[in-house]
Amino acid sequence: MTSTAATADRTLPTTRTGGPDDESNPLEHILGWTLVVVLAMLITQVGLL
């Protein structure tokens, strides 16, 4: 085995990007969309949009 083949077999650690996990919780989706709706209502009521 050459040195390039040895490095090709090595797996690199994955970097976390802050996105959703594979096992996403439905409660997180509901709370997230509720936050979006409340924020949109607040912005419209204040007159920023």
PDB file of N, CA and C in Angstrom:
ATOM      1  N   MET A   1       0.854  -1.178   0.000  1.00  0.00           N
ATOM      2  CA  MET A   1       0.000   0.000   0.000  1.00  0.00           C
ATOM      3  C   MET A   1       0.893   1.232   0.000  1.00  0.00           C
ATOM      4  N   THR A   2       0.566   2.161  -0.874  1.00  0.00           N
ATOM      5  CA  THR A   2       1.361   3.384  -0.944  1.00  0.00           C
ATOM      6  C   THR A   2       0.829   4.412   0.042  1.00  0.00           C
ATOM      7  N   SER A   3       1.550   5.486   0.174  1.00  0.00           N
ATOM      8  CA  SER A   3       1.132   6.503   1.137  1.00  0.00           C
ATOM      9  C   SER A   3      -0.156   7.202   0.695  1.00  0.00           C
ATOM     10  N   THR A   4      -0.375   7.340  -0.607  1.00  0.00           N
ATOM     11  CA  THR A   4      -1.613   7.972  -1.061  1.00  0.00           C
ATOM     12  C   THR A   4      -2.810   7.063  -0.825  1.00  0.00           C
ATOM     13  N   ALA A   5      -2.621   5.765  -0.940  1.00  0.00           N
ATOM     14  CA  ALA A   5      -3.722   4.838  -0.668  1.00  0.00           C
ATOM     15  C   ALA A   5      -4.051   4.822   0.823  1.00  0.00           C
ATOM     16  N   ALA A   6      -3.049   5.007   1.654  1.00  0.00           N
ATOM     17  CA  ALA A   6      -3.287   5.016   3.098  1.00  0.00           C
ATOM     18  C   ALA A   6      -4.084   6.252   3.508  1.00  0.00           C
ATOM     19  N   THR A   7      -3.804   7.380   2.878  1.00  0.00           N
ATOM     20  CA  THR A   7      -4.552   8.581   3.233  1.00  0.00           C
ATOM     21  C   THR A   7      -5.953   8.562   2.632  1.00  0.00           C
ATOM     22  N   ALA A   8      -6.153   7.847   1.538  1.00  0.00           N
ATOM     23  CA  ALA A   8      -7.491   7.780   0.933  1.00  0.00           C
ATOM     24  C   ALA A   8      -8.429   6.931   1.788  1.00  0.00           C
ATOM     25  N   ASP A   9      -7.893   5.975   2.533  1.00  0.00           N
ATOM     26  CA  ASP A   9      -8.718   5.124   3.375  1.00  0.00           C
ATOM     27  C   ASP A   9      -9.162   5.831   4.655  1.00  0.00           C
ATOM     28  N   ARG A  10      -8.482   6.872   5.015  1.00  0.00           N
ATOM     29  CA  ARG A  10      -8.775   7.570   6.255  1.00  0.00           C
ATOM     30  C   ARG A  10     -10.023   8.439   6.076  1.00  0.00           C
ATOM     31  N   THR A  11     -10.947   8.355   7.017  1.00  0.00           N
ATOM     32  CA  THR A  11     -12.157   9.179   6.928  1.00  0.00           C
ATOM     33  C   THR A  11     -11.941  10.464   7.708  1.00  0.00           C
ATOM     34  N   LEU A  12     -12.390  11.551   7.129  1.00  0.00           N
ATOM     35  CA  LEU A  12     -12.245  12.843   7.784  1.00  0.00           C
ATOM     36  C   LEU A  12     -13.451  13.097   8.673  1.00  0.00           C
ATOM     37  N   PRO A  13     -13.251  13.777   9.794  1.00  0.00           N
ATOM     38  CA  PRO A  13     -14.401  14.091  10.660  1.00  0.00           C
ATOM     39  C   PRO A  13     -15.327  15.078   9.957  1.00  0.00           C
ATOM     40  N   THR A  14     -16.622  14.895  10.145  1.00  0.00           N
ATOM     41  CA  THR A  14     -17.576  15.801   9.520  1.00  0.00           C
ATOM     42  C   THR A  14     -17.696  17.072  10.336  1.00  0.00           C
ATOM     43  N   THR A  15     -17.861  18.176   9.643  1.00  0.00           N
ATOM     44  CA  THR A  15     -18.012  19.455  10.336  1.00  0.00           C
ATOM     45  C   THR A  15     -19.477  19.738  10.543  1.00  0.00           C
ATOM     46  N   ARG A  16     -19.794  20.299  11.693  1.00  0.00           N
ATOM     47  CA  ARG A  16     -21.177  20.647  12.007  1.00  0.00           C
ATOM     48  C   ARG A  16     -21.463  22.042  11.462  1.00  0.00           C
ATOM     49  N   THR A  17     -22.548  22.180  10.730  1.00  0.00           N
ATOM     50  CA  THR A  17     -22.874  23.467  10.130  1.00  0.00           C
ATOM     51  C   THR A  17     -23.977  24.190  10.890  1.00  0.00           C
ATOM     52  N   GLY A  18     -24.582  23.550  11.873  1.00  0.00           N
ATOM     53  CA  GLY A  18     -25.663  24.170  12.602  1.00  0.00           C
ATOM     54  C   GLY A  18     -27.024  23.914  11.995  1.00  0.00           C
ATOM     55  N   GLY A  19     -27.057  23.126  10.943  1.00  0.00           N
ATOM     56  CA  GLY A  19     -28.327  22.796  10.303  1.00  0.00           C
ATOM     57  C   GLY A  19     -29.075  21.724  11.074  1.00  0.00           C
ATOM     58  N   PRO A  20     -30.221  21.312  10.564  1.00  0.00           N
ATOM     59  CA  PRO A  20     -31.009  20.299  11.267  1.00  0.00           C
ATOM     60  C   PRO A  20     -30.317  18.945  11.272  1.00  0.00           C
ATOM     61  N   ASP A  21     -30.550  18.188  12.319  1.00  0.00           N
ATOM     62  CA  ASP A  21     -29.994  16.852  12.419  1.00  0.00           C
ATOM     63  C   ASP A  21     -30.821  15.900  11.570  1.00  0.00           C
ATOM     64  N   ASP A  22     -30.315  14.690  11.386  1.00  0.00           N
ATOM     65  CA  ASP A  22     -31.074  13.684  10.650  1.00  0.00           C
ATOM     66  C   ASP A  22     -32.314  13.271  11.436  1.00  0.00           C
ATOM     67  N   GLU A  23     -32.199  13.240  12.737  1.00  0.00           N
ATOM     68  CA  GLU A  23     -33.317  12.851  13.596  1.00  0.00           C
ATOM     69  C   GLU A  23     -34.001  14.111  14.120  1.00  0.00           C
ATOM     70  N   SER A  24     -34.677  14.835  13.236  1.00  0.00           N
ATOM     71  CA  SER A  24     -35.298  16.087  13.663  1.00  0.00           C
ATOM     72  C   SER A  24     -36.602  15.810  14.402  1.00  0.00           C
ATOM     73  N   ASN A  25     -36.824  16.577  15.423  1.00  0.00           N
ATOM     74  CA  ASN A  25     -37.989  16.436  16.282  1.00  0.00           C
ATOM     75  C   ASN A  25     -39.140  17.254  15.701  1.00  0.00           C
ATOM     76  N   PRO A  26     -40.337  16.689  15.568  1.00  0.00           N
ATOM     77  CA  PRO A  26     -41.473  17.470  15.041  1.00  0.00           C
ATOM     78  C   PRO A  26     -41.814  18.675  15.910  1.00  0.00           C
ATOM     79  N   LEU A  27     -41.574  18.574  17.206  1.00  0.00           N
ATOM     80  CA  LEU A  27     -41.831  19.709  18.092  1.00  0.00           C
ATOM     81  C   LEU A  27     -40.928  20.897  17.749  1.00  0.00           C
ATOM     82  N   GLU A  28     -39.699  20.620  17.349  1.00  0.00           N
ATOM     83  CA  GLU A  28     -38.789  21.690  16.955  1.00  0.00           C
ATOM     84  C   GLU A  28     -39.295  22.402  15.709  1.00  0.00           C
ATOM     85  N   HIS A  29     -39.854  21.648  14.770  1.00  0.00           N
ATOM     86  CA  HIS A  29     -40.404  22.255  13.561  1.00  0.00           C
ATOM     87  C   HIS A  29     -41.594  23.149  13.896  1.00  0.00           C
ATOM     88  N   ILE A  30     -42.471  22.661  14.773  1.00  0.00           N
ATOM     89  CA  ILE A  30     -43.657  23.431  15.150  1.00  0.00           C
ATOM     90  C   ILE A  30     -43.248  24.710  15.875  1.00  0.00           C
ATOM     91  N   LEU A  31     -42.317  24.591  16.818  1.00  0.00           N
ATOM     92  CA  LEU A  31     -41.867  25.775  17.557  1.00  0.00           C
ATOM     93  C   LEU A  31     -41.119  26.757  16.649  1.00  0.00           C
ATOM     94  N   GLY A  32     -40.367  26.236  15.711  1.00  0.00           N
ATOM     95  CA  GLY A  32     -39.638  27.098  14.781  1.00  0.00           C
ATOM     96  C   GLY A  32     -40.573  27.891  13.894  1.00  0.00           C
ATOM     97  N   TRP A  33     -41.589  27.217  13.336  1.00  0.00           N
ATOM     98  CA  TRP A  33     -42.541  27.917  12.474  1.00  0.00           C
ATOM     99  C   TRP A  33     -43.419  28.871  13.281  1.00  0.00           C
ATOM    100  N   THR A  34     -43.715  28.518  14.519  1.00  0.00           N
ATOM    101  CA  THR A  34     -44.472  29.431  15.375  1.00  0.00           C
ATOM    102  C   THR A  34     -43.672  30.703  15.629  1.00  0.00           C
ATOM    103  N   LEU A  35     -42.388  30.569  15.850  1.00  0.00           N
ATOM    104  CA  LEU A  35     -41.526  31.727  16.042  1.00  0.00           C
ATOM    105  C   LEU A  35     -41.506  32.599  14.785  1.00  0.00           C
ATOM    106  N   VAL A  36     -41.454  31.983  13.626  1.00  0.00           N
ATOM    107  CA  VAL A  36     -41.452  32.734  12.367  1.00  0.00           C
ATOM    108  C   VAL A  36     -42.745  33.521  12.203  1.00  0.00           C
ATOM    109  N   VAL A  37     -43.874  32.880  12.488  1.00  0.00           N
ATOM    110  CA  VAL A  37     -45.170  33.547  12.340  1.00  0.00           C
ATOM    111  C   VAL A  37     -45.314  34.687  13.336  1.00  0.00           C
ATOM    112  N   VAL A  38     -44.919  34.461  14.580  1.00  0.00           N
ATOM    113  CA  VAL A  38     -45.019  35.510  15.603  1.00  0.00           C
ATOM    114  C   VAL A  38     -44.116  36.688  15.251  1.00  0.00           C
ATOM    115  N   LEU A  39     -42.932  36.414  14.778  1.00  0.00           N
ATOM    116  CA  LEU A  39     -42.016  37.484  14.387  1.00  0.00           C
ATOM    117  C   LEU A  39     -42.574  38.267  13.201  1.00  0.00           C
ATOM    118  N   ALA A  40     -43.185  37.572  12.238  1.00  0.00           N
ATOM    119  CA  ALA A  40     -43.783  38.263  11.082  1.00  0.00           C
ATOM    120  C   ALA A  40     -44.949  39.135  11.517  1.00  0.00           C
ATOM    121  N   MET A  41     -45.762  38.633  12.444  1.00  0.00           N
ATOM    122  CA  MET A  41     -46.890  39.427  12.936  1.00  0.00           C
ATOM    123  C   MET A  41     -46.390  40.660  13.691  1.00  0.00           C
ATOM    124  N   LEU A  42     -45.353  40.503  14.475  1.00  0.00           N
ATOM    125  CA  LEU A  42     -44.798  41.624  15.233  1.00  0.00           C
ATOM    126  C   LEU A  42     -44.240  42.694  14.288  1.00  0.00           C
ATOM    127  N   ILE A  43     -43.530  42.252  13.264  1.00  0.00           N
ATOM    128  CA  ILE A  43     -42.946  43.204  12.314  1.00  0.00           C
ATOM    129  C   ILE A  43     -44.036  43.978  11.582  1.00  0.00           C
ATOM    130  N   THR A  44     -45.131  43.279  11.229  1.00  0.00           N
ATOM    131  CA  THR A  44     -46.219  43.966  10.511  1.00  0.00           C
ATOM    132  C   THR A  44     -46.985  44.902  11.437  1.00  0.00           C
ATOM    133  N   GLN A  45     -47.186  44.514  12.676  1.00  0.00           N
ATOM    134  CA  GLN A  45     -47.923  45.364  13.610  1.00  0.00           C
ATOM    135  C   GLN A  45     -47.152  46.638  13.952  1.00  0.00           C
ATOM    136  N   VAL A  46     -45.848  46.517  14.056  1.00  0.00           N
ATOM    137  CA  VAL A  46     -45.030  47.676  14.394  1.00  0.00           C
ATOM    138  C   VAL A  46     -44.906  48.611  13.184  1.00  0.00           C
ATOM    139  N   GLY A  47     -45.087  48.075  11.995  1.00  0.00           N
ATOM    140  CA  GLY A  47     -45.040  48.882  10.784  1.00  0.00           C
ATOM    141  C   GLY A  47     -43.670  48.921  10.134  1.00  0.00           C
ATOM    142  N   LEU A  48     -42.848  47.942  10.426  1.00  0.00           N
ATOM    143  CA  LEU A  48     -41.513  47.911   9.826  1.00  0.00           C
ATOM    144  C   LEU A  48     -41.527  47.368   8.396  1.00  0.00           C
ATOM    145  N   LEU A  49     -42.642  46.800   8.010  1.00  0.00           N
ATOM    146  CA  LEU A  49     -42.720  46.234   6.661  1.00  0.00           C
ATOM    147  C   LEU A  49     -43.927  46.765   5.935  1.00  0.00           C
TER     148      LEU A  49
END
